[in-house]
N, C-alpha and C. Protein backbone atom coordinates (compact mmCIF):
# COMPACT_ATOMS: atom_id res chain seq x y z
N MET A 1 -8.68 23.52 -6.82
CA MET A 1 -9.82 22.73 -6.44
C MET A 1 -10.67 23.52 -5.46
N GLU A 2 -11.97 23.38 -5.63
CA GLU A 2 -12.88 24.13 -4.78
C GLU A 2 -12.81 23.68 -3.33
N ASN A 3 -12.79 22.40 -3.08
CA ASN A 3 -12.70 21.83 -1.75
C ASN A 3 -11.45 20.97 -1.70
N ILE A 4 -11.02 20.66 -0.52
CA ILE A 4 -9.85 19.81 -0.37
C ILE A 4 -10.26 18.34 -0.56
N LEU A 5 -9.56 17.67 -1.46
CA LEU A 5 -9.80 16.24 -1.63
C LEU A 5 -9.30 15.50 -0.41
N LYS A 6 -10.08 14.57 0.07
CA LYS A 6 -9.71 13.81 1.26
C LYS A 6 -9.81 12.33 0.97
N VAL A 7 -8.84 11.59 1.49
CA VAL A 7 -8.91 10.13 1.42
C VAL A 7 -10.24 9.70 2.02
N GLY A 8 -10.89 8.76 1.35
CA GLY A 8 -12.16 8.24 1.86
C GLY A 8 -13.38 8.70 1.09
N ILE A 9 -13.24 9.77 0.26
CA ILE A 9 -14.42 10.17 -0.52
C ILE A 9 -14.77 9.04 -1.48
N THR A 10 -16.06 8.91 -1.76
CA THR A 10 -16.50 7.83 -2.64
C THR A 10 -17.43 8.34 -3.72
N GLY A 11 -17.48 7.59 -4.79
CA GLY A 11 -18.42 7.83 -5.87
C GLY A 11 -19.05 6.52 -6.27
N LYS A 12 -20.19 6.62 -6.91
CA LYS A 12 -20.92 5.43 -7.32
C LYS A 12 -21.49 5.65 -8.71
N ALA A 13 -21.61 4.58 -9.47
CA ALA A 13 -22.26 4.62 -10.79
C ALA A 13 -22.98 3.29 -10.98
N THR A 14 -24.12 3.35 -11.66
CA THR A 14 -24.97 2.18 -11.84
C THR A 14 -25.40 2.06 -13.30
N VAL A 15 -25.56 0.82 -13.75
CA VAL A 15 -26.03 0.56 -15.11
C VAL A 15 -26.81 -0.75 -15.11
N SER A 16 -27.74 -0.87 -16.03
CA SER A 16 -28.45 -2.13 -16.26
C SER A 16 -27.75 -2.89 -17.37
N VAL A 17 -27.69 -4.21 -17.23
CA VAL A 17 -27.07 -5.02 -18.26
C VAL A 17 -28.09 -5.24 -19.38
N THR A 18 -27.70 -4.83 -20.58
CA THR A 18 -28.53 -4.96 -21.78
C THR A 18 -27.69 -5.63 -22.88
N PRO A 19 -28.30 -6.00 -23.98
CA PRO A 19 -27.51 -6.58 -25.07
C PRO A 19 -26.39 -5.65 -25.56
N ASP A 20 -26.55 -4.34 -25.38
CA ASP A 20 -25.54 -3.39 -25.87
C ASP A 20 -24.28 -3.32 -25.01
N ASN A 21 -24.30 -3.85 -23.78
CA ASN A 21 -23.09 -3.79 -22.96
C ASN A 21 -22.59 -5.18 -22.56
N THR A 22 -22.86 -6.16 -23.42
CA THR A 22 -22.41 -7.52 -23.16
C THR A 22 -21.10 -7.82 -23.89
N ALA A 23 -20.45 -8.87 -23.45
CA ALA A 23 -19.23 -9.34 -24.10
C ALA A 23 -19.52 -9.74 -25.55
N GLU A 24 -20.72 -10.25 -25.81
CA GLU A 24 -21.08 -10.61 -27.18
C GLU A 24 -21.02 -9.38 -28.10
N LYS A 25 -21.47 -8.25 -27.61
CA LYS A 25 -21.44 -7.01 -28.39
C LYS A 25 -20.01 -6.62 -28.75
N PHE A 26 -19.05 -7.05 -27.94
CA PHE A 26 -17.64 -6.76 -28.19
C PHE A 26 -16.97 -7.86 -29.03
N GLY A 27 -17.77 -8.79 -29.55
CA GLY A 27 -17.24 -9.81 -30.45
C GLY A 27 -17.04 -11.18 -29.84
N ASN A 28 -17.42 -11.37 -28.58
CA ASN A 28 -17.28 -12.67 -27.94
C ASN A 28 -18.60 -13.42 -28.11
N SER A 29 -18.73 -14.07 -29.25
CA SER A 29 -19.99 -14.72 -29.65
C SER A 29 -20.53 -15.65 -28.57
N GLY A 30 -21.80 -15.43 -28.23
CA GLY A 30 -22.49 -16.26 -27.25
C GLY A 30 -22.35 -15.82 -25.81
N ALA A 31 -21.45 -14.90 -25.52
CA ALA A 31 -21.22 -14.45 -24.14
C ALA A 31 -22.13 -13.26 -23.85
N VAL A 32 -23.38 -13.57 -23.56
CA VAL A 32 -24.36 -12.52 -23.29
C VAL A 32 -24.36 -12.17 -21.81
N VAL A 33 -23.21 -11.69 -21.36
CA VAL A 33 -22.99 -11.27 -19.97
C VAL A 33 -22.30 -9.91 -20.00
N PHE A 34 -22.37 -9.18 -18.89
CA PHE A 34 -21.76 -7.86 -18.77
C PHE A 34 -20.28 -7.93 -19.16
N ALA A 35 -19.89 -7.06 -20.08
CA ALA A 35 -18.54 -7.07 -20.63
C ALA A 35 -17.54 -6.39 -19.70
N THR A 36 -16.35 -6.93 -19.67
CA THR A 36 -15.28 -6.34 -18.86
C THR A 36 -15.01 -4.88 -19.24
N PRO A 37 -14.95 -4.53 -20.55
CA PRO A 37 -14.73 -3.11 -20.87
C PRO A 37 -15.82 -2.19 -20.32
N MET A 38 -17.04 -2.71 -20.21
CA MET A 38 -18.12 -1.91 -19.66
C MET A 38 -17.97 -1.76 -18.14
N MET A 39 -17.41 -2.79 -17.50
CA MET A 39 -17.15 -2.67 -16.07
C MET A 39 -16.06 -1.62 -15.82
N VAL A 40 -15.04 -1.61 -16.69
CA VAL A 40 -14.00 -0.59 -16.57
C VAL A 40 -14.61 0.81 -16.73
N ALA A 41 -15.49 0.98 -17.72
CA ALA A 41 -16.14 2.28 -17.91
C ALA A 41 -16.97 2.68 -16.70
N LEU A 42 -17.66 1.72 -16.11
CA LEU A 42 -18.48 2.00 -14.93
C LEU A 42 -17.61 2.39 -13.73
N ILE A 43 -16.49 1.72 -13.57
CA ILE A 43 -15.55 2.04 -12.49
C ILE A 43 -15.01 3.46 -12.68
N GLU A 44 -14.64 3.79 -13.93
CA GLU A 44 -14.16 5.15 -14.20
C GLU A 44 -15.23 6.18 -13.88
N GLN A 45 -16.47 5.89 -14.23
CA GLN A 45 -17.55 6.83 -13.95
C GLN A 45 -17.74 7.03 -12.45
N ALA A 46 -17.60 5.96 -11.69
CA ALA A 46 -17.71 6.09 -10.23
C ALA A 46 -16.62 7.01 -9.69
N ALA A 47 -15.40 6.88 -10.20
CA ALA A 47 -14.30 7.75 -9.76
C ALA A 47 -14.54 9.20 -10.19
N ILE A 48 -15.03 9.39 -11.40
CA ILE A 48 -15.37 10.74 -11.88
C ILE A 48 -16.42 11.35 -10.95
N ASN A 49 -17.41 10.57 -10.59
CA ASN A 49 -18.47 11.05 -9.70
C ASN A 49 -17.92 11.41 -8.32
N ALA A 50 -16.93 10.65 -7.84
CA ALA A 50 -16.33 10.96 -6.55
C ALA A 50 -15.60 12.30 -6.58
N LEU A 51 -14.89 12.58 -7.68
CA LEU A 51 -14.10 13.80 -7.79
C LEU A 51 -14.92 15.05 -8.12
N ALA A 52 -16.02 14.88 -8.82
CA ALA A 52 -16.78 16.01 -9.37
C ALA A 52 -17.04 17.15 -8.38
N PRO A 53 -17.48 16.88 -7.16
CA PRO A 53 -17.77 18.00 -6.25
C PRO A 53 -16.53 18.79 -5.81
N TYR A 54 -15.35 18.25 -6.06
CA TYR A 54 -14.12 18.85 -5.57
C TYR A 54 -13.35 19.60 -6.65
N LEU A 55 -13.81 19.55 -7.89
CA LEU A 55 -13.09 20.18 -8.98
C LEU A 55 -13.57 21.61 -9.19
N ALA A 56 -12.63 22.50 -9.47
CA ALA A 56 -12.96 23.90 -9.77
C ALA A 56 -13.44 23.99 -11.22
N ALA A 57 -14.06 25.10 -11.56
CA ALA A 57 -14.47 25.34 -12.94
C ALA A 57 -13.26 25.21 -13.84
N GLY A 58 -13.42 24.51 -14.96
CA GLY A 58 -12.32 24.34 -15.89
C GLY A 58 -11.43 23.15 -15.61
N GLN A 59 -11.71 22.44 -14.53
CA GLN A 59 -10.94 21.24 -14.23
C GLN A 59 -11.73 20.00 -14.59
N GLY A 60 -11.01 18.94 -14.86
CA GLY A 60 -11.60 17.63 -15.11
C GLY A 60 -10.62 16.59 -14.61
N SER A 61 -10.86 15.35 -14.98
CA SER A 61 -9.91 14.30 -14.63
C SER A 61 -9.84 13.30 -15.77
N VAL A 62 -8.68 12.67 -15.87
CA VAL A 62 -8.48 11.64 -16.90
C VAL A 62 -7.96 10.37 -16.23
N GLY A 63 -8.44 9.25 -16.69
CA GLY A 63 -7.96 7.97 -16.20
C GLY A 63 -6.65 7.61 -16.87
N THR A 64 -5.70 7.09 -16.09
CA THR A 64 -4.40 6.73 -16.63
C THR A 64 -4.04 5.27 -16.38
N LYS A 65 -4.74 4.63 -15.44
CA LYS A 65 -4.39 3.25 -15.13
C LYS A 65 -5.60 2.57 -14.49
N VAL A 66 -5.83 1.33 -14.91
CA VAL A 66 -6.89 0.51 -14.32
C VAL A 66 -6.33 -0.89 -14.11
N GLU A 67 -6.43 -1.37 -12.89
CA GLU A 67 -6.04 -2.75 -12.56
C GLU A 67 -7.26 -3.40 -11.92
N ILE A 68 -7.90 -4.30 -12.66
CA ILE A 68 -9.12 -4.93 -12.13
C ILE A 68 -9.10 -6.42 -12.33
N THR A 69 -9.86 -7.07 -11.51
CA THR A 69 -10.16 -8.49 -11.68
C THR A 69 -11.67 -8.60 -11.86
N HIS A 70 -12.08 -9.24 -12.95
CA HIS A 70 -13.50 -9.47 -13.19
C HIS A 70 -13.81 -10.83 -12.58
N LEU A 71 -14.56 -10.83 -11.48
CA LEU A 71 -14.74 -12.02 -10.65
C LEU A 71 -15.91 -12.91 -11.03
N ALA A 72 -16.97 -12.34 -11.60
CA ALA A 72 -18.18 -13.12 -11.86
C ALA A 72 -18.96 -12.53 -13.03
N ALA A 73 -19.66 -13.38 -13.74
CA ALA A 73 -20.48 -12.96 -14.87
C ALA A 73 -21.84 -12.45 -14.40
N THR A 74 -22.38 -11.49 -15.16
CA THR A 74 -23.68 -10.91 -14.84
C THR A 74 -24.56 -10.96 -16.09
N PRO A 75 -25.74 -11.61 -16.01
CA PRO A 75 -26.60 -11.75 -17.18
C PRO A 75 -27.40 -10.48 -17.48
N ILE A 76 -27.93 -10.44 -18.68
CA ILE A 76 -28.84 -9.37 -19.10
C ILE A 76 -30.00 -9.31 -18.12
N GLY A 77 -30.40 -8.07 -17.79
CA GLY A 77 -31.54 -7.86 -16.90
C GLY A 77 -31.15 -7.46 -15.49
N MET A 78 -29.93 -7.80 -15.09
CA MET A 78 -29.48 -7.40 -13.75
C MET A 78 -28.91 -5.99 -13.80
N SER A 79 -28.79 -5.39 -12.63
CA SER A 79 -28.12 -4.10 -12.49
C SER A 79 -26.71 -4.34 -11.99
N VAL A 80 -25.82 -3.42 -12.34
CA VAL A 80 -24.45 -3.45 -11.85
C VAL A 80 -24.14 -2.06 -11.30
N PHE A 81 -23.49 -2.01 -10.13
CA PHE A 81 -23.01 -0.72 -9.64
C PHE A 81 -21.54 -0.84 -9.27
N ALA A 82 -20.86 0.27 -9.41
CA ALA A 82 -19.45 0.35 -9.05
C ALA A 82 -19.26 1.44 -8.03
N THR A 83 -18.31 1.23 -7.15
CA THR A 83 -17.91 2.27 -6.20
C THR A 83 -16.42 2.53 -6.37
N ALA A 84 -16.03 3.76 -6.13
CA ALA A 84 -14.63 4.17 -6.17
C ALA A 84 -14.36 4.95 -4.89
N THR A 85 -13.39 4.51 -4.12
CA THR A 85 -13.04 5.16 -2.86
C THR A 85 -11.62 5.69 -2.98
N LEU A 86 -11.46 6.99 -2.74
CA LEU A 86 -10.15 7.61 -2.85
C LEU A 86 -9.24 7.11 -1.74
N GLU A 87 -8.11 6.51 -2.13
CA GLU A 87 -7.16 5.94 -1.18
C GLU A 87 -5.90 6.76 -1.04
N GLU A 88 -5.54 7.50 -2.09
CA GLU A 88 -4.28 8.24 -2.05
C GLU A 88 -4.37 9.49 -2.92
N VAL A 89 -3.83 10.59 -2.41
CA VAL A 89 -3.74 11.85 -3.16
C VAL A 89 -2.27 12.22 -3.21
N ALA A 90 -1.72 12.35 -4.42
CA ALA A 90 -0.32 12.73 -4.60
C ALA A 90 -0.28 13.85 -5.64
N GLY A 91 -0.44 15.09 -5.17
CA GLY A 91 -0.52 16.21 -6.09
C GLY A 91 -1.80 16.10 -6.91
N LYS A 92 -1.65 16.00 -8.23
CA LYS A 92 -2.82 15.87 -9.11
C LYS A 92 -3.20 14.43 -9.37
N LYS A 93 -2.43 13.49 -8.83
CA LYS A 93 -2.71 12.06 -9.03
C LYS A 93 -3.61 11.55 -7.91
N MET A 94 -4.64 10.83 -8.29
CA MET A 94 -5.59 10.24 -7.36
C MET A 94 -5.61 8.73 -7.59
N ILE A 95 -5.54 7.96 -6.52
CA ILE A 95 -5.62 6.51 -6.63
C ILE A 95 -6.85 6.04 -5.86
N PHE A 96 -7.68 5.26 -6.55
CA PHE A 96 -8.94 4.76 -5.99
C PHE A 96 -8.90 3.25 -5.83
N THR A 97 -9.54 2.76 -4.77
CA THR A 97 -9.91 1.35 -4.67
C THR A 97 -11.29 1.25 -5.30
N VAL A 98 -11.48 0.28 -6.18
CA VAL A 98 -12.75 0.18 -6.89
C VAL A 98 -13.35 -1.21 -6.71
N GLU A 99 -14.67 -1.24 -6.71
CA GLU A 99 -15.40 -2.50 -6.60
C GLU A 99 -16.63 -2.42 -7.49
N ALA A 100 -17.08 -3.58 -7.98
CA ALA A 100 -18.31 -3.65 -8.76
C ALA A 100 -19.14 -4.83 -8.25
N PHE A 101 -20.45 -4.61 -8.25
CA PHE A 101 -21.39 -5.60 -7.74
C PHE A 101 -22.59 -5.70 -8.67
N ASP A 102 -23.14 -6.90 -8.82
CA ASP A 102 -24.43 -7.02 -9.48
C ASP A 102 -25.48 -7.21 -8.40
N ASP A 103 -26.67 -7.62 -8.78
CA ASP A 103 -27.75 -7.75 -7.81
C ASP A 103 -27.50 -8.84 -6.76
N LEU A 104 -26.55 -9.75 -7.03
CA LEU A 104 -26.32 -10.86 -6.13
C LEU A 104 -24.95 -10.90 -5.45
N GLU A 105 -23.90 -10.38 -6.14
CA GLU A 105 -22.57 -10.58 -5.60
C GLU A 105 -21.56 -9.56 -6.14
N GLN A 106 -20.38 -9.58 -5.55
CA GLN A 106 -19.29 -8.76 -6.06
C GLN A 106 -18.80 -9.38 -7.37
N ILE A 107 -18.66 -8.53 -8.39
CA ILE A 107 -18.22 -9.04 -9.70
C ILE A 107 -16.87 -8.48 -10.13
N GLY A 108 -16.35 -7.49 -9.40
CA GLY A 108 -15.07 -6.94 -9.78
C GLY A 108 -14.43 -6.18 -8.65
N LYS A 109 -13.09 -6.06 -8.72
CA LYS A 109 -12.37 -5.27 -7.72
C LYS A 109 -11.02 -4.88 -8.30
N GLY A 110 -10.44 -3.82 -7.73
CA GLY A 110 -9.13 -3.41 -8.19
C GLY A 110 -8.79 -2.00 -7.77
N ARG A 111 -7.91 -1.37 -8.61
CA ARG A 111 -7.45 0.00 -8.35
C ARG A 111 -7.55 0.79 -9.64
N HIS A 112 -7.72 2.09 -9.47
CA HIS A 112 -7.86 2.99 -10.62
C HIS A 112 -7.13 4.29 -10.31
N GLU A 113 -6.37 4.77 -11.29
CA GLU A 113 -5.60 6.00 -11.14
C GLU A 113 -6.15 7.07 -12.08
N ARG A 114 -6.30 8.28 -11.55
CA ARG A 114 -6.76 9.41 -12.34
C ARG A 114 -5.89 10.62 -12.03
N TYR A 115 -5.83 11.54 -12.98
CA TYR A 115 -5.12 12.81 -12.78
C TYR A 115 -6.09 13.96 -12.98
N ILE A 116 -5.97 14.97 -12.14
CA ILE A 116 -6.74 16.20 -12.31
C ILE A 116 -6.07 17.01 -13.42
N ILE A 117 -6.88 17.52 -14.33
CA ILE A 117 -6.35 18.29 -15.46
C ILE A 117 -7.03 19.64 -15.57
N ASN A 118 -6.36 20.57 -16.23
CA ASN A 118 -6.98 21.80 -16.70
C ASN A 118 -7.54 21.43 -18.07
N THR A 119 -8.84 21.42 -18.20
CA THR A 119 -9.48 20.92 -19.41
C THR A 119 -9.06 21.69 -20.66
N ALA A 120 -8.99 23.01 -20.59
CA ALA A 120 -8.61 23.81 -21.76
C ALA A 120 -7.20 23.47 -22.23
N SER A 121 -6.24 23.40 -21.31
CA SER A 121 -4.86 23.06 -21.67
C SER A 121 -4.78 21.66 -22.26
N PHE A 122 -5.50 20.73 -21.65
CA PHE A 122 -5.53 19.35 -22.12
C PHE A 122 -6.04 19.30 -23.56
N LEU A 123 -7.15 20.00 -23.82
CA LEU A 123 -7.73 19.99 -25.17
C LEU A 123 -6.84 20.70 -26.19
N GLU A 124 -6.08 21.70 -25.75
CA GLU A 124 -5.11 22.35 -26.65
C GLU A 124 -4.04 21.36 -27.09
N ARG A 125 -3.56 20.56 -26.16
CA ARG A 125 -2.54 19.55 -26.51
C ARG A 125 -3.13 18.51 -27.46
N VAL A 126 -4.37 18.13 -27.24
CA VAL A 126 -5.02 17.16 -28.12
C VAL A 126 -5.18 17.76 -29.51
N ALA A 127 -5.60 19.02 -29.60
CA ALA A 127 -5.77 19.69 -30.90
C ALA A 127 -4.44 19.76 -31.64
N ALA A 128 -3.36 20.06 -30.92
CA ALA A 128 -2.04 20.12 -31.55
C ALA A 128 -1.65 18.76 -32.11
N LYS A 129 -2.04 17.72 -31.45
CA LYS A 129 -1.73 16.36 -31.91
C LYS A 129 -2.43 16.05 -33.22
N LYS A 130 -3.60 16.64 -33.42
CA LYS A 130 -4.34 16.43 -34.66
C LYS A 130 -3.57 16.94 -35.87
N GLN A 131 -2.65 17.87 -35.66
CA GLN A 131 -1.88 18.45 -36.76
C GLN A 131 -0.82 17.48 -37.28
N TYR A 132 -0.54 16.45 -36.53
CA TYR A 132 0.47 15.47 -36.91
C TYR A 132 0.06 14.79 -38.20
N GLN A 133 0.97 14.71 -39.11
CA GLN A 133 0.73 14.03 -40.39
C GLN A 133 1.63 12.81 -40.44
N PRO A 134 1.07 11.61 -40.41
CA PRO A 134 1.91 10.42 -40.43
C PRO A 134 2.67 10.30 -41.75
N VAL A 135 3.83 9.73 -41.68
CA VAL A 135 4.63 9.50 -42.88
C VAL A 135 4.00 8.34 -43.64
N THR A 136 3.78 8.55 -44.92
CA THR A 136 3.21 7.48 -45.74
C THR A 136 4.32 6.84 -46.57
N GLU A 137 4.14 5.59 -46.84
CA GLU A 137 5.15 4.85 -47.61
C GLU A 137 4.91 4.97 -49.09
């Protein structure tokens, strides 16, 4: 890592709620509010943004665990932002406290775990997995 990761670093990510990121788009007919899977994606992006300045060339991070509570619905037209604050560093494992807010209130909170990876090695393992041929009946 280029710089030393320190507890307390934060990242932020923001998105506008549109028809494309609503629960209805995920199959929940009539629920034209910000979808929980999109909040998870926004939280992950905030954590990625927190880590980015500290990663060396060829490094990345992957999410391995998300524990969130979606507290409130957000309608189309509002903005949502998420923050991720690094709470624990254990080798390559990073644990973040995460929060999400719309224009009026907190809409989510929880924890998120990420691991620092060597991107080339990670992609080699993924490519090897593509060689797997499932058994057909």
